[in-house]
Protein backbone atom coordinates (compact mmCIF):
# COMPACT_ATOMS: atom_id res chain seq x y z
CA MET A 1 0.00 0.00 0.00
CA ASP A 2 1.15 3.53 -0.75
CA ILE A 3 2.44 5.18 2.44
CA ARG A 4 0.44 8.25 1.44
CA GLU A 5 -2.78 6.26 1.77
CA LEU A 6 -1.82 5.13 5.28
CA ASP A 7 -0.87 8.66 6.21
CA HIS A 8 -4.12 10.05 4.79
CA ARG A 9 -6.13 7.59 6.89
CA ALA A 10 -4.10 8.47 10.00
CA ALA A 11 -4.71 12.19 9.42
CA ASP A 12 -8.44 11.48 8.95
CA THR A 13 -8.51 9.44 12.16
CA LEU A 14 -6.89 12.31 14.02
CA GLY A 15 -9.30 14.72 12.34
CA THR A 16 -12.28 12.69 13.57
CA VAL A 17 -11.06 13.14 17.15
CA ASN A 18 -10.17 16.82 16.61
CA ALA A 19 -13.70 17.45 15.33
CA GLN A 20 -15.00 16.51 18.78
CA VAL A 21 -13.01 19.24 20.55
CA ASP A 22 -15.34 22.05 21.57
CA GLY A 23 -13.94 25.54 21.97
CA ASP A 24 -14.54 25.39 25.72
CA ARG A 25 -12.20 22.37 25.98
CA LEU A 26 -9.16 23.93 24.34
CA HIS A 27 -7.70 24.78 27.76
CA LEU A 28 -7.66 21.13 28.90
CA PRO A 29 -4.30 19.44 29.56
CA THR A 30 -3.07 16.62 27.32
CA PRO A 31 -0.72 13.66 27.80
CA CYS A 32 1.86 15.80 25.94
CA ALA A 33 3.88 17.60 28.58
CA ASP A 34 3.30 21.36 28.60
CA TRP A 35 0.54 21.30 25.95
CA THR A 36 -3.11 22.09 26.32
CA LEU A 37 -5.50 20.90 23.62
CA TYR A 38 -5.07 24.28 21.94
CA GLY A 39 -1.29 23.86 21.92
CA LEU A 40 -1.48 20.28 20.68
CA ILE A 41 -3.85 21.08 17.82
CA ARG A 42 -1.69 24.08 16.93
CA HIS A 43 1.32 21.72 16.90
CA GLN A 44 -0.55 19.39 14.53
CA VAL A 45 -1.42 22.25 12.19
CA SER A 46 2.13 23.60 12.36
CA ASP A 47 3.64 20.20 11.63
CA ASN A 48 1.31 19.65 8.67
CA LEU A 49 2.45 22.98 7.25
CA GLY A 50 6.10 22.25 8.08
CA PHE A 51 6.01 18.86 6.34
CA ALA A 52 4.32 20.51 3.35
CA ALA A 53 7.04 23.18 3.22
CA ALA A 54 9.75 20.50 3.41
CA ALA A 55 8.12 18.53 0.59
CA SER A 56 8.01 21.71 -1.46
CA GLY A 57 11.75 22.19 -1.05
CA ALA A 58 12.04 24.53 1.93
CA SER A 59 15.02 23.79 4.13
CA GLY A 60 16.82 25.37 7.02
CA ASP A 61 13.81 27.38 8.19
CA LEU A 62 12.69 25.96 11.52
CA GLY A 63 10.12 28.75 11.70
CA SER A 64 8.09 27.01 9.00
CA TRP A 65 7.37 24.31 11.59
CA ASN A 66 5.75 26.77 13.99
CA ARG A 67 3.45 28.83 11.80
CA GLY A 68 0.15 27.08 12.39
CA GLU A 69 -2.66 29.35 13.46
CA LEU A 70 -6.03 28.08 14.64
CA GLY A 71 -8.09 31.24 14.24
CA ASP A 72 -11.71 30.94 15.31
CA ASP A 73 -12.09 27.34 14.12
CA PRO A 74 -9.31 24.94 15.16
CA TYR A 75 -10.89 22.03 13.29
CA ALA A 76 -11.10 24.01 10.02
CA ALA A 77 -7.45 25.03 10.47
CA TYR A 78 -6.53 21.37 10.93
CA VAL A 79 -8.47 20.28 7.82
CA ASP A 80 -6.90 23.07 5.75
CA SER A 81 -3.39 22.11 6.89
CA VAL A 82 -4.04 18.44 6.03
CA GLY A 83 -5.09 19.52 2.54
CA ARG A 84 -1.87 21.50 2.08
CA PHE A 85 0.13 18.55 3.39
CA ALA A 86 -1.56 16.11 0.97
CA LYS A 87 -1.05 18.45 -1.99
CA ALA A 88 2.66 18.82 -1.22
CA PHE A 89 3.14 15.03 -1.12
CA ALA A 90 0.97 14.24 -4.17
CA ASP A 91 3.92 14.13 -6.60
CA ASP A 92 5.54 10.68 -6.63
CA ALA A 93 8.98 12.31 -6.92
CA VAL A 94 8.62 13.63 -3.34
CA LEU A 95 8.66 10.07 -1.98
CA ASP A 96 12.33 9.57 -2.84
CA ARG A 97 13.47 13.17 -2.41
CA GLU A 98 15.50 14.00 0.69
CA LEU A 99 13.57 16.38 2.96
CA GLU A 100 14.76 18.38 5.95
CA ILE A 101 12.46 17.53 8.85
CA ARG A 102 12.61 20.03 11.67
CA GLU A 103 15.86 19.80 13.59
CA PHE A 104 15.78 16.01 13.31
CA GLY A 105 17.67 15.77 10.04
CA ARG A 106 17.19 14.79 6.43
CA PHE A 107 14.95 11.88 5.45
CA SER A 108 13.37 10.52 2.31
CA GLY A 109 9.80 11.58 1.62
CA LYS A 110 8.65 8.03 2.44
CA VAL A 111 10.32 8.15 5.86
CA ALA A 112 8.91 11.63 6.46
CA LEU A 113 5.42 10.31 5.71
CA GLY A 114 5.97 7.53 8.24
CA MET A 115 7.01 10.10 10.83
CA HIS A 116 3.91 12.16 10.12
CA MET A 117 1.66 9.11 10.28
CA LEU A 118 3.12 8.13 13.67
CA ASP A 119 2.50 11.65 14.94
CA CYS A 120 -1.13 11.51 13.79
CA VAL A 121 -1.81 8.14 15.42
CA VAL A 122 -0.22 9.10 18.74
CA HIS A 123 -1.71 12.58 18.91
CA GLY A 124 -5.13 11.16 18.08
CA TRP A 125 -4.84 9.15 21.29
CA ASP A 126 -3.63 12.24 23.16
CA VAL A 127 -6.65 14.28 22.09
CA ALA A 128 -9.06 11.41 22.81
CA GLN A 129 -7.63 11.05 26.31
CA SER A 130 -7.99 14.75 26.95
CA ILE A 131 -11.67 14.87 26.02
CA GLY A 132 -12.56 11.38 27.29
CA VAL A 133 -13.67 9.74 24.05
CA SER A 134 -12.99 6.35 22.56
CA TYR A 135 -10.03 5.97 20.22
CA ARG A 136 -9.64 2.99 17.91
CA PRO A 137 -7.30 3.60 14.99
CA ASP A 138 -7.20 0.88 12.35
CA ALA A 139 -4.91 -2.03 13.22
CA ASP A 140 -2.68 -1.51 10.17
CA LEU A 141 -2.10 2.14 11.16
CA VAL A 142 -1.03 1.07 14.64
CA GLU A 143 1.25 -1.66 13.28
CA HIS A 144 2.92 0.71 10.85
CA ALA A 145 3.27 3.38 13.55
CA LEU A 146 4.85 0.75 15.82
CA ALA A 147 7.44 -0.01 13.16
CA VAL A 148 8.27 3.70 12.79
CA ALA A 149 8.36 4.30 16.57
CA ALA A 150 10.88 1.48 16.98
CA PHE A 151 13.44 3.67 15.18
CA ILE A 152 13.01 6.72 17.43
CA PRO A 153 16.06 7.22 19.62
CA ASP A 154 15.07 6.88 23.26
CA GLY A 155 15.85 9.37 25.98
CA LEU A 156 18.09 12.40 25.71
CA ASP A 157 20.98 12.38 23.28
CA SER A 158 23.55 15.13 22.98
CA ASP A 159 23.34 14.86 19.19
CA ARG A 160 19.64 15.72 19.18
CA PRO A 161 18.38 19.16 20.21
CA ARG A 162 15.21 17.65 21.69
CA PRO A 163 13.52 14.27 21.64
CA ALA A 164 10.48 13.80 19.43
CA PHE A 165 8.56 12.06 22.23
CA ALA A 166 8.97 11.22 25.90
CA PRO A 167 11.32 8.33 26.72
CA ALA A 168 9.87 4.85 26.29
CA ILE A 169 8.27 3.15 29.27
CA GLY A 170 7.79 -0.50 30.08
CA VAL A 171 4.72 -2.36 28.95
CA PRO A 172 3.58 -5.86 29.93
CA GLU A 173 4.45 -8.65 27.54
CA GLY A 174 1.52 -9.45 25.30
CA ALA A 175 0.07 -5.93 25.57
CA PRO A 176 -2.15 -4.84 22.68
CA PRO A 177 -0.36 -3.12 19.78
CA LEU A 178 -1.74 0.35 20.63
CA ASP A 179 -0.51 0.00 24.22
CA ARG A 180 2.94 -1.03 22.94
CA LEU A 181 3.01 1.94 20.58
CA LEU A 182 2.03 4.33 23.35
CA ALA A 183 4.73 2.90 25.62
CA LEU A 184 7.38 3.46 22.93
CA VAL A 185 6.51 7.17 22.93
CA GLY A 186 6.31 7.50 26.71
CA ARG A 187 2.58 7.17 27.29
CA ARG A 188 0.64 4.79 29.48
CA ALA A 189 -2.55 3.46 28.01
CA SER A 190 -5.53 4.36 30.15
CA ILE A 191 -9.08 3.13 30.46
CA VAL A 192 -10.57 5.48 27.85
CA ARG A 193 -10.76 3.49 24.61
């Protein structure tokens, strides 16, 4: 399957959860340290725009990863940013092109899409936890995100300005795939499913 299709489904899954965030909930905390729902959704919009800029050839401008604005309608801002992201990755040539992704380095477009998909799956859970709704991403999205998460360096590393996620935590053997994924990015699965 084309990684773009998986990524599109992950972004839609996250969008379904984002659509349930009322304006009066934007102040709620999230499992992401230091982020409210407003901050997390703004991060999602910013990352969508940053990935789109990278796919379009922008490099060296970390500011392009922090330009997301939510305006009066955070969900509409998210949907718009997903559209820009999808348009930037529509050309097959982008899949093999080397893209500069934040301060993390240079990666092929395919790897960048995997990183984005992982972010969507994990942050979908974060938003769902914050607003207390069920979250059941498709099994193939979780399995692919698990494979990507396995390559994330754990903990603090002097060669990296900041980690992408919290350090991994232990998870019982035989735990469901989503629980294993969450543990790899420093989250404990909770009872909201």
